[in-house]
Amino acid sequence: MVQTKTNHRKRLPKIIHPQSHHNRYRHVKFLEPLLLFLLHRQPAHGYGLMESLPRCGISREHIKPGVIYKYLRKMEQDDLIRSAWDTNTKKAAKRVYSLTDKGLTDMKYWTRILETKKKFIETLLTIGRNNSRRTKRRTNR
């Protein structure tokens, strides 16, 4: 792992090779917006949110349940979501999470950020594809 130099005013991000063991944690960066998007669709309990991860392209091995609940608690403290106990079931009571107005605002913010990142990634992929085509042409000569 290569680490960039630290500026005295602000810390620069670490550069992590895509195949390093740290790469398995890349989904955690997007866990907050994912939870906001899922809860915008409908209120849910923690286990239900965990069950939604594979449908969102995230393996359950990549994010443990404890991480989900840690994020939910933090998001509730930040007033992005609220929870209430659902006792209307024959099974044990479950804490059901729903989006707050502040959470909806954050979700819209994340949507804009992700759209910008998507455009940047599409540009990078286009450049990468063009470079690989040029490389193939050079090797075929």
Protein backbone atom coordinates (compact mmCIF):
# COMPACT_ATOMS: atom_id res chain seq x y z
CA MET A 1 0.00 0.00 0.00
CA VAL A 2 1.36 3.41 -0.98
CA GLN A 3 0.55 6.36 1.19
CA THR A 4 0.65 9.92 -0.08
CA LYS A 5 2.53 12.60 1.82
CA THR A 6 0.65 14.45 4.51
CA ASN A 7 0.10 18.17 4.09
CA HIS A 8 0.19 20.15 7.34
CA ARG A 9 -3.22 21.70 6.56
CA LYS A 10 -5.21 18.65 5.56
CA ARG A 11 -4.54 14.97 5.24
CA LEU A 12 -4.40 13.54 1.74
CA PRO A 13 -6.11 10.22 1.03
CA LYS A 14 -4.27 6.91 0.95
CA ILE A 15 -3.76 5.28 -2.41
CA ILE A 16 -4.92 1.67 -2.24
CA HIS A 17 -4.16 -0.81 -4.97
CA PRO A 18 -7.41 -2.31 -6.38
CA GLN A 19 -6.28 -5.87 -5.67
CA SER A 20 -5.19 -5.27 -2.08
CA HIS A 21 -7.07 -6.84 0.84
CA HIS A 22 -8.41 -3.36 1.70
CA ASN A 23 -10.50 -3.44 -1.48
CA ARG A 24 -13.06 -5.75 0.15
CA TYR A 25 -14.14 -2.80 2.33
CA ARG A 26 -14.89 -0.51 -0.62
CA HIS A 27 -18.66 -1.05 -0.26
CA VAL A 28 -18.67 0.47 3.23
CA LYS A 29 -18.02 3.92 1.69
CA PHE A 30 -21.39 3.72 -0.01
CA LEU A 31 -23.31 2.10 2.81
CA GLU A 32 -24.89 5.32 4.09
CA PRO A 33 -26.36 6.37 0.73
CA LEU A 34 -27.44 2.80 0.06
CA LEU A 35 -29.31 2.64 3.37
CA LEU A 36 -30.90 6.03 2.64
CA PHE A 37 -32.03 4.83 -0.80
CA LEU A 38 -33.43 1.58 0.60
CA LEU A 39 -35.27 3.33 3.42
CA HIS A 40 -36.66 5.90 0.98
CA ARG A 41 -38.25 3.01 -0.89
CA GLN A 42 -39.86 1.71 2.31
CA PRO A 43 -39.22 1.51 6.07
CA ALA A 44 -37.36 -1.66 7.06
CA HIS A 45 -35.74 -3.45 9.97
CA GLY A 46 -32.01 -4.16 10.09
CA TYR A 47 -32.31 -7.78 8.98
CA GLY A 48 -34.46 -6.73 6.03
CA LEU A 49 -31.81 -4.22 5.01
CA MET A 50 -29.14 -6.95 5.25
CA GLU A 51 -31.28 -9.15 3.02
CA SER A 52 -31.43 -6.33 0.43
CA LEU A 53 -27.65 -6.10 0.02
CA PRO A 54 -27.24 -8.98 -2.49
CA ARG A 55 -29.94 -7.42 -4.70
CA CYS A 56 -27.83 -4.25 -4.65
CA GLY A 57 -24.72 -6.10 -5.80
CA ILE A 58 -23.09 -6.36 -2.36
CA SER A 59 -22.18 -9.77 -1.01
CA ARG A 60 -23.15 -10.35 2.62
CA GLU A 61 -19.54 -11.44 3.24
CA HIS A 62 -18.38 -7.91 2.44
CA ILE A 63 -20.49 -6.15 5.07
CA LYS A 64 -21.17 -7.81 8.40
CA PRO A 65 -24.45 -7.22 10.29
CA GLY A 66 -22.62 -5.33 13.04
CA VAL A 67 -21.48 -2.77 10.48
CA ILE A 68 -25.06 -2.25 9.27
CA TYR A 69 -26.34 -1.69 12.81
CA LYS A 70 -23.43 0.64 13.60
CA TYR A 71 -24.34 2.76 10.57
CA LEU A 72 -28.02 2.71 11.48
CA ARG A 73 -27.27 3.94 15.02
CA LYS A 74 -24.98 6.69 13.69
CA MET A 75 -27.54 7.75 11.09
CA GLU A 76 -30.22 7.87 13.77
CA GLN A 77 -27.98 10.04 15.98
CA ASP A 78 -27.45 12.34 12.97
CA ASP A 79 -31.25 12.55 12.52
CA LEU A 80 -31.13 11.00 9.03
CA ILE A 81 -33.40 8.15 10.08
CA ARG A 82 -35.71 7.33 12.98
CA SER A 83 -36.66 4.01 14.47
CA ALA A 84 -39.67 2.58 16.26
CA TRP A 85 -40.34 -0.83 17.72
CA ASP A 86 -42.79 -2.97 15.77
CA THR A 87 -44.60 -5.09 18.34
CA ASN A 88 -47.51 -6.05 16.08
CA THR A 89 -45.97 -9.35 15.10
CA LYS A 90 -46.25 -12.81 16.61
CA LYS A 91 -42.44 -12.98 16.61
CA ALA A 92 -40.05 -10.86 18.66
CA ALA A 93 -40.35 -7.08 18.37
CA LYS A 94 -38.23 -5.51 15.64
CA ARG A 95 -36.84 -2.03 15.34
CA VAL A 96 -38.12 -0.52 12.08
CA TYR A 97 -36.13 2.31 10.50
CA SER A 98 -37.55 5.07 8.31
CA LEU A 99 -36.20 8.18 6.61
CA THR A 100 -36.50 11.65 8.17
CA ASP A 101 -36.75 14.94 6.25
CA LYS A 102 -33.04 15.49 6.88
CA GLY A 103 -32.38 11.97 5.57
CA LEU A 104 -34.35 12.75 2.42
CA THR A 105 -32.25 15.89 1.91
CA ASP A 106 -29.05 13.87 2.37
CA MET A 107 -30.33 11.22 -0.04
CA LYS A 108 -30.86 13.90 -2.71
CA TYR A 109 -27.35 15.22 -2.01
CA TRP A 110 -25.88 11.72 -2.39
CA THR A 111 -27.78 11.31 -5.66
CA ARG A 112 -26.08 14.41 -7.06
CA ILE A 113 -22.65 13.31 -5.79
CA LEU A 114 -23.03 9.81 -7.26
CA GLU A 115 -24.21 11.20 -10.61
CA THR A 116 -21.04 13.32 -10.73
CA LYS A 117 -18.88 10.32 -9.81
CA LYS A 118 -20.66 8.23 -12.43
CA LYS A 119 -19.80 10.76 -15.16
CA PHE A 120 -16.18 10.82 -14.01
CA ILE A 121 -15.97 7.01 -13.98
CA GLU A 122 -17.56 6.81 -17.45
CA THR A 123 -14.90 9.25 -18.71
CA LEU A 124 -12.13 7.17 -17.13
CA LEU A 125 -13.52 3.99 -18.69
CA THR A 126 -13.73 5.63 -22.12
CA ILE A 127 -10.09 6.75 -21.85
CA GLY A 128 -9.06 3.28 -20.65
CA ARG A 129 -10.89 1.53 -23.48
CA ASN A 130 -9.37 3.88 -26.06
CA ASN A 131 -5.90 3.28 -24.63
CA SER A 132 -6.34 -0.49 -24.70
CA ARG A 133 -7.49 -0.33 -28.35
CA ARG A 134 -4.39 1.67 -29.25
CA THR A 135 -2.20 -0.81 -27.42
CA LYS A 136 -3.80 -3.75 -29.30
CA ARG A 137 -3.25 -1.98 -32.65
CA ARG A 138 0.41 -1.38 -31.80
CA THR A 139 0.98 -5.02 -30.81
CA ASN A 140 -0.77 -6.33 -33.94
CA ARG A 141 1.53 -4.38 -36.31
